[in-house]
Protein backbone atom coordinates (compact mmCIF):
# COMPACT_ATOMS: atom_id res chain seq x y z
CA MET A 1 -7.03 48.98 1.58
CA ASN A 2 -4.30 51.52 0.91
CA ALA A 3 -1.74 51.04 3.70
CA LEU A 4 -1.50 54.80 4.21
CA LEU A 5 -4.97 54.70 5.75
CA LEU A 6 -3.71 52.60 8.69
CA THR A 7 -3.53 55.59 11.03
CA ASP A 8 -5.58 58.21 12.82
CA GLY A 9 -6.84 61.02 10.61
CA TYR A 10 -5.03 63.68 12.58
CA LYS A 11 -1.67 62.06 11.83
CA THR A 12 -1.96 63.04 8.17
CA GLY A 13 -0.86 66.61 8.85
CA HIS A 14 1.84 66.03 11.44
CA HIS A 15 4.67 65.99 8.90
CA GLN A 16 4.00 69.73 8.52
CA GLN A 17 3.70 70.43 12.24
CA TYR A 18 7.04 69.35 13.68
CA PRO A 19 9.60 72.17 14.00
CA LYS A 20 11.43 73.08 10.80
CA GLY A 21 14.63 71.10 10.62
CA THR A 22 13.28 68.03 12.45
CA ASP A 23 15.05 64.92 11.20
CA GLU A 24 14.47 62.34 13.94
CA VAL A 25 11.54 61.27 16.12
CA TYR A 26 12.15 58.58 18.75
CA SER A 27 9.17 56.95 20.47
CA ASN A 28 8.56 54.13 22.93
CA TRP A 29 5.75 51.71 23.78
CA THR A 30 5.17 51.43 27.51
CA PRO A 31 2.57 50.01 29.92
CA ARG A 32 1.92 53.00 32.19
CA SER A 33 -0.50 51.61 34.78
CA ASN A 34 -2.15 48.49 36.16
CA LYS A 35 -5.03 50.49 37.64
CA TYR A 36 -7.64 48.65 35.58
CA ALA A 37 -5.83 45.31 35.38
CA PRO A 38 -6.84 42.13 37.21
CA LYS A 39 -5.58 41.88 40.77
CA GLY A 40 -1.93 40.83 40.96
CA SER A 41 -1.00 42.17 37.53
CA ASN A 42 2.20 43.93 38.52
CA LYS A 43 4.08 43.12 35.33
CA VAL A 44 3.29 42.76 31.63
CA VAL A 45 4.34 39.93 29.34
CA SER A 46 6.36 41.06 26.34
CA PHE A 47 4.55 39.40 23.47
CA GLY A 48 3.28 40.11 19.97
CA GLN A 49 5.94 42.45 18.60
CA GLN A 50 7.19 40.03 15.96
CA TYR A 51 3.64 39.18 14.89
CA VAL A 52 2.69 42.85 14.60
CA MET A 53 5.83 43.92 12.74
CA GLN A 54 5.59 41.04 10.27
CA TRP A 55 1.93 41.83 9.66
CA LEU A 56 2.69 45.53 9.18
CA HIS A 57 5.67 44.87 6.91
CA GLU A 58 3.64 42.52 4.74
CA TYR A 59 0.66 44.85 4.60
CA PHE A 60 2.76 47.82 3.41
CA LYS A 61 4.56 45.60 0.93
CA ILE A 62 1.33 44.35 -0.64
CA HIS A 63 -0.88 47.41 -0.31
CA PHE A 64 1.61 50.21 -0.90
CA PHE A 65 5.14 49.45 -2.03
CA SER A 66 4.18 46.85 -4.66
CA GLN A 67 1.38 48.99 -6.06
CA PRO A 68 2.02 51.55 -8.84
CA LYS A 69 3.12 54.80 -7.16
CA GLU A 70 0.79 56.93 -9.23
CA GLN A 71 -2.17 54.73 -8.36
CA VAL A 72 -1.72 54.58 -4.58
CA CYS A 73 -0.64 58.19 -4.21
CA ILE A 74 -3.43 59.60 -6.36
CA GLU A 75 -5.88 57.50 -4.37
CA ILE A 76 -4.63 58.81 -1.03
CA LYS A 77 -4.53 62.37 -2.40
CA GLU A 78 -8.17 62.16 -3.45
CA GLU A 79 -9.30 60.62 -0.19
CA LEU A 80 -7.40 62.97 2.12
CA SER A 81 -8.36 66.03 0.08
CA LEU A 82 -11.99 65.08 0.59
CA TYR A 83 -11.37 64.19 4.23
CA LEU A 84 -9.56 67.41 5.14
CA GLY A 85 -11.34 69.72 2.72
CA THR A 86 -8.09 70.86 1.12
CA ASN A 87 -5.73 70.08 -1.76
CA TYR A 88 -3.61 67.52 0.07
CA ASP A 89 0.07 67.32 -0.93
CA VAL A 90 1.31 63.71 -1.16
CA SER A 91 4.94 64.36 -2.05
CA HIS A 92 6.11 62.85 1.27
CA PHE A 93 4.15 59.68 0.48
CA GLU A 94 5.64 59.59 -3.03
CA ALA A 95 9.13 59.81 -1.52
CA LEU A 96 8.30 56.93 0.83
CA HIS A 97 7.10 54.84 -2.10
CA ASP A 98 10.38 55.54 -3.93
CA LEU A 99 12.27 54.21 -0.90
CA GLN A 100 10.38 50.89 -1.06
CA TYR A 101 10.59 50.03 2.64
CA LEU A 102 9.58 51.40 6.02
CA PRO A 103 12.53 53.52 7.21
CA ILE A 104 12.29 52.67 10.89
CA HIS A 105 14.44 50.97 13.49
CA VAL A 106 12.40 48.94 15.99
CA LYS A 107 13.92 47.57 19.19
CA SER A 108 12.15 45.34 21.68
CA ILE A 109 12.52 43.49 24.94
CA PRO A 110 12.62 39.78 23.98
CA GLU A 111 9.18 38.20 23.82
CA GLY A 112 8.23 35.95 26.69
CA GLU A 113 9.82 38.19 29.33
CA GLU A 114 7.82 39.88 32.09
CA VAL A 115 8.34 43.61 32.28
CA ASN A 116 7.68 46.06 35.10
CA ILE A 117 4.97 48.68 34.67
CA ARG A 118 6.35 52.00 33.34
CA THR A 119 9.23 50.25 31.55
CA ALA A 120 9.60 50.72 27.80
CA MET A 121 8.99 47.45 25.95
CA LEU A 122 9.60 48.69 22.41
CA THR A 123 11.19 51.72 20.75
CA VAL A 124 10.78 53.08 17.24
CA VAL A 125 12.91 55.70 15.47
CA ASN A 126 13.17 56.76 11.84
CA THR A 127 16.37 55.87 9.98
CA HIS A 128 16.21 58.53 7.23
CA LYS A 129 16.05 62.22 8.15
CA GLU A 130 13.33 63.13 5.67
CA PHE A 131 11.06 60.45 7.11
CA TYR A 132 10.99 61.76 10.69
CA TRP A 133 7.19 61.75 10.39
CA VAL A 134 6.96 57.99 9.83
CA THR A 135 7.72 57.09 13.48
CA ASN A 136 4.50 58.43 14.93
CA PHE A 137 2.50 58.01 11.73
CA LEU A 138 2.73 54.31 12.64
CA GLU A 139 1.81 54.87 16.29
CA THR A 140 -1.88 54.15 15.77
CA ILE A 141 -1.53 50.82 13.97
CA LEU A 142 1.18 49.65 16.36
CA SER A 143 -0.98 50.58 19.32
CA THR A 144 -4.16 48.97 18.04
CA MET A 145 -2.34 45.72 17.31
CA LEU A 146 0.09 45.47 20.23
CA TRP A 147 -2.01 46.05 23.31
CA GLN A 148 -4.20 42.96 23.00
CA PRO A 149 -1.63 40.15 22.61
CA MET A 150 0.37 41.61 25.49
CA THR A 151 -2.72 42.04 27.67
CA SER A 152 -4.06 38.54 26.97
CA ALA A 153 -0.68 36.88 27.51
CA THR A 154 -0.33 38.73 30.82
CA ILE A 155 -3.80 37.76 32.03
CA ALA A 156 -3.27 34.16 30.89
CA LEU A 157 -0.10 34.04 32.98
CA ASN A 158 -2.10 35.33 35.96
CA TYR A 159 -4.48 32.40 35.50
CA LYS A 160 -1.59 29.97 35.27
CA ARG A 161 -0.10 31.29 38.51
CA ILE A 162 -3.44 30.70 40.23
CA PHE A 163 -3.59 27.14 38.90
CA LYS A 164 0.02 26.49 39.89
CA LYS A 165 -0.50 27.78 43.42
CA TRP A 166 -3.51 25.57 44.07
CA ALA A 167 -2.12 22.52 42.29
CA SER A 168 1.00 22.84 44.46
CA LEU A 169 -1.22 22.82 47.53
CA THR A 170 -3.54 20.01 46.44
CA ASP A 171 -1.99 17.84 43.71
CA LEU A 172 1.77 18.03 43.33
CA ASP A 173 1.79 14.76 41.38
CA ASN A 174 -0.21 16.34 38.57
CA MET A 175 1.48 19.72 37.98
CA GLY A 176 1.64 19.14 34.23
CA PHE A 177 -2.15 19.41 34.15
CA ILE A 178 -1.98 23.20 34.53
CA GLU A 179 -0.69 23.48 30.94
CA PHE A 180 -4.24 22.59 29.85
CA GLN A 181 -6.24 23.82 32.85
CA GLY A 182 -6.91 27.19 31.22
CA HIS A 183 -8.59 26.64 27.85
CA ASP A 184 -9.28 29.43 25.35
CA PHE A 185 -13.02 29.63 24.56
CA SER A 186 -12.96 33.28 23.51
CA MET A 187 -13.03 33.43 19.71
CA ARG A 188 -16.77 33.87 19.19
CA GLY A 189 -16.89 36.82 21.57
CA MET A 190 -13.87 38.75 20.35
CA GLY A 191 -13.96 41.96 18.33
CA GLY A 192 -13.33 40.30 14.99
CA PHE A 193 -10.85 37.87 13.50
CA GLU A 194 -7.68 39.89 14.13
CA SER A 195 -8.71 40.40 17.74
CA ALA A 196 -9.32 36.68 18.18
CA LEU A 197 -5.94 35.87 16.63
CA ALA A 198 -3.98 38.45 18.61
CA SER A 199 -5.56 37.47 21.91
CA GLY A 200 -5.48 33.77 21.07
CA LEU A 201 -1.76 33.91 20.37
CA GLY A 202 -1.26 35.56 23.75
CA HIS A 203 -3.21 32.78 25.47
CA GLY A 204 -1.42 30.11 23.45
CA ALA A 205 1.97 31.43 24.47
CA VAL A 206 1.03 30.53 28.05
CA PHE A 207 -1.40 27.57 27.83
CA MET A 208 -1.57 24.57 25.50
CA GLY A 209 -5.37 24.31 25.42
CA SER A 210 -7.35 26.40 22.94
CA ASP A 211 -10.40 26.26 20.70
CA THR A 212 -9.22 29.32 18.74
CA LEU A 213 -7.97 27.42 15.69
CA PRO A 214 -6.41 30.43 13.88
CA VAL A 215 -3.74 30.41 16.60
CA ILE A 216 -2.20 27.36 14.94
CA SER A 217 -1.69 29.15 11.64
CA GLY A 218 -0.64 32.39 13.35
CA ALA A 219 1.99 30.67 15.47
CA ARG A 220 3.41 28.92 12.40
CA LYS A 221 3.40 32.04 10.21
CA TYR A 222 4.72 34.60 12.67
CA TYR A 223 6.71 32.43 15.11
CA GLN A 224 7.85 29.42 13.06
CA ALA A 225 5.98 27.00 15.34
CA LYS A 226 6.69 23.33 14.65
CA GLY A 227 4.65 20.31 15.63
CA PHE A 228 2.09 20.74 18.39
CA VAL A 229 0.89 24.33 18.94
CA VAL A 230 -2.36 24.09 20.91
CA GLY A 231 -4.84 21.26 21.37
CA SER A 232 -8.39 20.41 22.34
CA VAL A 233 -10.78 17.45 22.52
CA ASN A 234 -13.96 16.19 20.91
CA ALA A 235 -16.78 18.20 22.44
CA THR A 236 -20.52 18.80 21.96
CA GLU A 237 -22.54 22.00 21.91
CA HIS A 238 -26.13 22.73 22.90
CA SER A 239 -27.44 22.22 19.36
CA VAL A 240 -26.15 18.64 19.43
CA MET A 241 -27.85 17.95 22.74
CA CYS A 242 -31.08 19.65 21.63
CA ALA A 243 -31.15 17.65 18.42
CA GLY A 244 -31.04 14.50 20.49
CA THR A 245 -34.14 15.75 22.36
CA LYS A 246 -34.67 16.51 26.03
CA GLU A 247 -36.62 13.27 26.52
CA ASP A 248 -33.67 11.17 25.34
CA GLU A 249 -30.72 13.12 26.74
CA ILE A 250 -29.33 9.98 28.31
CA GLY A 251 -29.54 8.33 24.90
CA THR A 252 -27.47 11.17 23.45
CA PHE A 253 -24.80 10.47 26.07
CA ILE A 254 -24.81 6.78 25.11
CA GLU A 255 -24.61 7.56 21.38
CA LEU A 256 -21.72 9.98 21.94
CA MET A 257 -19.72 7.43 23.92
CA GLN A 258 -20.27 4.87 21.18
CA THR A 259 -19.11 7.42 18.58
CA TYR A 260 -16.01 8.19 20.67
CA PRO A 261 -15.08 4.98 22.50
CA THR A 262 -11.62 6.30 23.38
CA GLY A 263 -10.04 9.59 24.39
CA ILE A 264 -11.42 12.66 26.10
CA LEU A 265 -15.04 13.50 25.32
CA SER A 266 -16.57 16.73 26.62
CA VAL A 267 -20.37 16.83 26.83
CA VAL A 268 -22.31 20.01 27.57
CA SER A 269 -24.62 18.96 30.38
CA ASP A 270 -26.78 21.91 31.34
CA THR A 271 -28.89 22.24 28.21
CA TRP A 272 -31.84 21.47 30.48
CA ASP A 273 -31.23 20.06 33.96
CA LEU A 274 -27.62 19.74 35.06
CA TRP A 275 -28.55 18.23 38.42
CA LYS A 276 -30.61 15.49 36.77
CA VAL A 277 -27.64 14.62 34.53
CA LEU A 278 -25.35 14.36 37.55
CA THR A 279 -27.68 12.52 39.93
CA GLN A 280 -29.79 10.38 37.57
CA TYR A 281 -28.20 9.88 34.14
CA LEU A 282 -24.53 9.48 35.07
CA PRO A 283 -25.21 6.88 37.82
CA VAL A 284 -27.07 4.81 35.19
CA LEU A 285 -24.12 5.18 32.79
CA LYS A 286 -21.47 4.56 35.43
CA GLU A 287 -20.22 1.22 34.11
CA GLU A 288 -20.06 2.44 30.50
CA ILE A 289 -18.13 5.54 31.57
CA LEU A 290 -15.68 3.60 33.74
CA GLY A 291 -15.28 1.07 30.92
CA ARG A 292 -14.27 3.67 28.33
CA ASP A 293 -10.63 4.02 27.36
CA GLY A 294 -10.71 7.73 28.09
CA LYS A 295 -12.34 10.48 30.12
CA LEU A 296 -15.90 11.82 29.96
CA VAL A 297 -15.86 15.50 30.85
CA VAL A 298 -19.06 17.10 32.10
CA ARG A 299 -19.48 20.71 30.94
CA PRO A 300 -21.92 23.04 32.64
CA ASP A 301 -21.73 26.70 31.56
CA SER A 302 -24.66 28.51 33.14
CA GLY A 303 -25.07 30.12 36.53
CA ASP A 304 -22.54 31.13 39.16
CA PRO A 305 -19.32 29.28 38.21
CA VAL A 306 -18.10 28.99 41.80
CA ALA A 307 -21.40 27.67 43.12
CA ILE A 308 -21.89 25.28 40.20
CA ILE A 309 -18.45 23.68 40.49
CA CYS A 310 -17.94 23.82 44.26
CA GLY A 311 -21.49 23.83 45.55
CA THR A 312 -22.91 26.25 48.08
CA LYS A 313 -21.95 24.43 51.31
CA VAL A 314 -18.85 22.61 52.52
CA ASN A 315 -20.91 19.80 54.00
CA GLY A 316 -23.94 19.99 51.76
CA SER A 317 -26.63 17.40 51.16
CA SER A 318 -28.55 18.62 48.10
CA ALA A 319 -27.14 18.59 44.59
CA GLN A 320 -26.81 22.35 44.52
CA GLU A 321 -25.08 22.39 47.90
CA LYS A 322 -22.59 19.75 46.79
CA GLY A 323 -21.76 21.09 43.32
CA VAL A 324 -20.44 19.29 40.24
CA VAL A 325 -17.13 17.93 41.51
CA GLU A 326 -18.52 16.48 44.73
CA LEU A 327 -21.46 14.93 42.87
CA LEU A 328 -19.06 13.28 40.42
CA TRP A 329 -17.07 11.95 43.37
CA ASP A 330 -20.26 10.51 44.88
CA VAL A 331 -20.88 8.51 41.71
CA PHE A 332 -17.40 7.64 40.43
CA GLY A 333 -15.10 8.05 43.38
CA GLY A 334 -11.37 8.31 42.83
CA THR A 335 -8.25 8.42 44.96
CA VAL A 336 -6.88 10.47 47.82
CA ASN A 337 -3.41 11.70 46.94
CA ALA A 338 -0.35 12.01 49.18
CA GLN A 339 -1.39 15.53 50.16
CA GLY A 340 -4.75 14.25 51.37
CA PHE A 341 -6.92 15.67 48.59
CA LYS A 342 -9.51 13.82 46.53
CA VAL A 343 -8.76 13.26 42.84
CA LEU A 344 -11.63 12.08 40.66
CA ASP A 345 -11.39 8.74 38.86
CA SER A 346 -9.44 9.21 35.63
CA HIS A 347 -12.53 8.34 33.54
CA ILE A 348 -14.51 11.41 34.65
CA GLY A 349 -13.87 15.14 34.88
CA ALA A 350 -15.39 18.61 34.64
CA ILE A 351 -14.91 21.81 32.68
CA TYR A 352 -16.64 25.15 33.15
CA GLY A 353 -16.44 27.82 30.48
CA ASP A 354 -18.81 30.73 31.08
CA SER A 355 -17.98 34.13 32.63
CA ILE A 356 -14.70 32.96 34.14
CA THR A 357 -12.42 35.62 35.61
CA THR A 358 -9.18 35.39 37.57
CA ASP A 359 -11.12 36.13 40.77
CA ARG A 360 -13.57 33.33 40.02
CA ALA A 361 -10.74 30.96 39.11
CA GLU A 362 -9.19 31.70 42.49
CA ALA A 363 -12.52 31.18 44.24
CA ILE A 364 -13.17 27.86 42.45
CA CYS A 365 -9.75 26.50 43.40
CA ALA A 366 -10.19 27.72 46.98
CA GLY A 367 -13.69 26.25 47.13
CA LEU A 368 -12.47 22.83 46.00
CA HIS A 369 -9.64 23.02 48.52
CA ALA A 370 -12.10 23.76 51.32
CA LYS A 371 -14.02 20.61 50.40
CA GLY A 372 -10.91 18.47 50.26
CA PHE A 373 -10.71 18.22 46.48
CA ALA A 374 -7.65 18.82 44.30
CA SER A 375 -7.86 21.91 42.10
CA THR A 376 -6.90 19.72 39.14
CA ASN A 377 -10.37 18.17 39.10
CA VAL A 378 -11.61 20.96 36.85
CA VAL A 379 -10.59 22.76 33.66
CA LEU A 380 -11.72 26.34 33.17
CA GLY A 381 -12.68 27.68 29.77
CA ILE A 382 -11.39 31.24 29.55
CA GLY A 383 -13.57 33.22 27.18
CA SER A 384 -14.24 36.71 25.91
CA PHE A 385 -15.54 37.70 29.35
CA THR A 386 -11.86 37.66 30.25
CA TYR A 387 -10.10 38.52 27.00
CA GLN A 388 -12.47 40.97 25.32
CA PHE A 389 -13.38 42.76 28.56
CA ASN A 390 -10.18 44.80 28.24
CA THR A 391 -8.94 47.90 26.47
CA ARG A 392 -5.61 49.59 25.82
CA ASP A 393 -6.12 51.16 29.24
CA THR A 394 -6.10 47.83 31.09
CA PHE A 395 -2.34 48.35 31.34
CA GLY A 396 -2.30 51.97 30.25
CA PHE A 397 -0.39 51.19 27.07
CA ALA A 398 0.81 54.15 25.03
CA MET A 399 3.41 54.95 22.40
CA LYS A 400 4.93 58.37 23.06
CA ALA A 401 7.77 60.37 21.53
CA THR A 402 10.51 61.16 24.06
CA SER A 403 13.30 62.50 21.88
CA VAL A 404 13.63 64.49 18.66
CA VAL A 405 16.53 65.94 16.69
CA VAL A 406 15.97 69.44 15.29
CA ASN A 407 18.61 71.19 13.20
CA GLY A 408 21.16 68.65 14.36
CA THR A 409 20.49 69.14 18.07
CA ARG A 410 18.82 66.50 20.23
CA ARG A 411 15.89 67.57 22.37
CA ASP A 412 14.69 65.41 25.24
CA ILE A 413 10.91 65.72 25.32
CA PHE A 414 8.15 64.50 27.61
CA LYS A 415 4.53 65.09 28.55
CA ASP A 416 3.32 65.65 32.10
CA PRO A 417 -0.25 67.04 32.18
CA ILE A 418 -0.87 69.08 35.33
CA THR A 419 -4.49 67.87 35.34
CA ASP A 420 -3.49 64.18 35.31
CA ASP A 421 -2.73 61.92 38.26
CA GLY A 422 0.72 61.08 36.94
CA VAL A 423 -0.20 58.06 34.83
CA LYS A 424 0.14 59.97 31.57
CA LYS A 425 3.55 61.37 32.41
CA SER A 426 5.87 60.00 29.75
CA ALA A 427 9.50 59.02 29.89
CA ASN A 428 12.08 61.61 28.85
CA GLY A 429 14.79 61.39 26.20
CA LEU A 430 16.53 58.34 24.81
CA LEU A 431 15.94 55.22 26.86
CA ARG A 432 17.95 52.23 27.97
CA VAL A 433 16.53 49.13 29.64
CA ASP A 434 18.69 46.72 31.64
CA LYS A 435 17.89 43.49 33.42
CA VAL A 436 19.15 43.71 36.99
CA ASN A 437 18.63 40.75 39.35
CA GLY A 438 15.84 39.49 37.12
CA GLU A 439 14.02 42.84 36.99
CA PHE A 440 13.85 45.19 34.01
CA MET A 441 14.98 48.70 34.90
CA MET A 442 14.67 51.71 32.60
CA THR A 443 17.03 54.67 32.52
CA GLU A 444 15.92 57.92 30.89
CA GLN A 445 17.87 60.66 29.11
CA VAL A 446 20.79 58.45 28.15
CA SER A 447 23.32 59.25 25.44
CA ARG A 448 23.06 57.82 21.95
CA THR A 449 25.92 55.47 22.82
CA GLU A 450 24.19 54.26 25.98
CA GLU A 451 20.88 53.82 24.17
CA LYS A 452 22.51 51.22 21.96
CA LYS A 453 23.27 49.06 25.01
CA GLY A 454 20.94 47.16 27.32
CA VAL A 455 18.32 44.50 26.59
CA LEU A 456 16.28 46.32 23.95
CA GLN A 457 17.33 44.49 20.81
CA THR A 458 16.71 45.23 17.15
CA ILE A 459 13.83 43.25 15.67
CA TYR A 460 13.23 45.30 12.50
CA LYS A 461 15.29 47.81 10.58
CA ASN A 462 14.71 49.22 7.10
CA GLY A 463 12.52 46.33 6.03
CA ILE A 464 14.78 43.62 7.46
CA PHE A 465 13.88 41.42 10.44
CA GLN A 466 16.52 40.62 13.04
CA ASN A 467 16.77 38.53 16.22
CA GLU A 468 13.64 36.57 15.37
CA ILE A 469 12.24 34.36 18.11
CA ASN A 470 10.24 31.17 17.70
CA TRP A 471 7.16 29.82 19.44
CA SER A 472 8.95 27.27 21.61
CA GLU A 473 11.47 29.86 22.82
CA ILE A 474 8.67 32.19 23.92
CA ARG A 475 6.82 29.42 25.70
CA SER A 476 10.01 28.36 27.45
CA LYS A 477 10.66 31.90 28.69
CA ILE A 478 7.12 32.22 30.01
CA LYS A 479 7.37 28.83 31.69
CA GLU A 480 10.59 29.92 33.39
CA SER A 481 8.86 32.99 34.79
CA LEU A 482 6.49 30.72 36.73
């Protein structure tokens, strides 16, 4: 697709609408609100800028700059003339093609940092006077690509904080487990491949467990990832269990353990009757499971996650009252750690991956704690119910112009709708962001000299990338924030 179509239709006339003599438009990308965000989301993870800018740079290079000028400009003229019902002038696009790069200067807070709400995370300004219109022409594509990796990375970090809190309370000896306790199951439910990749990268920047395989390629391409990126285990699905037949479900378990005599093996266990698997089949297979050189992980994914994992009563007697973890303890036992919490035998475990939210993750960990079990007895599969159930408004993301230069004079500009509750009020003028006592603080209406200072650093200018960051550096920064 012609790269000039990567915008909202109304942007195509804005080059004619700015005041005569405009030669600079300066905009910023900011999370404006956590009103619709999960509880406890007071900051946003800076993530995805390098991925988005590399994607955008490459797309324009392939689908605009490297194409014959006459071909791409005639095409866009024909399309926009039909679209707008007028004879559309493409001379500004022809001039951009002659330049052969995007004339913008992009600055960003380093990826992996946590940023306060209402603090600019990225700024964009044109570098050539005649291309003042390019800054906000790119607003739409930047917005549609940036909000999701930042949102997913932020929510993933919320999950990790929950896991860390409860592991600290119940299993200090096994804190490394939290790196894999949140596992990305979301790909099939995302809004297409790019959505799965963007969100998956955000999750992968925080956790090491993921079934979204494109993350591996994305991390290598956009963040120079080396070696291990994310990992998973051998696992079944319902079709596998169904093919083995309901009547011989226990035989399917036996066949699977023979196929995978070592390592972690995850078996979906609620294709028919989860409670029968836990109270009848697994006791029969106890010796085989304990004799494996690895862990068998039981995976239910239907019903109320909290009730399924933790049961419905603290001192229950029925299978449903006890829940998965307690039933596994009844069969396989384990150890009581120094903090006094039960840890299942290393040959058995549980994972739940349906309709998980941060609230449910908290409730599951709290429920296990109430029963005397370590939170590390379960892995949670975080799916599209978490990562696709969001929009740009989850953190109120917006890219807004705050400064223009007209006839050589700078104008600080802002929006502040009288009918709004204050969320849509934008910053004003050139911006500077500083890190003070570990917190990012934004100052508005600074001078051009002051704007060049602070923590916002150049990542892209006139087709050249600067201050690139790699995958391990981002993960290290996020780990430090815990």
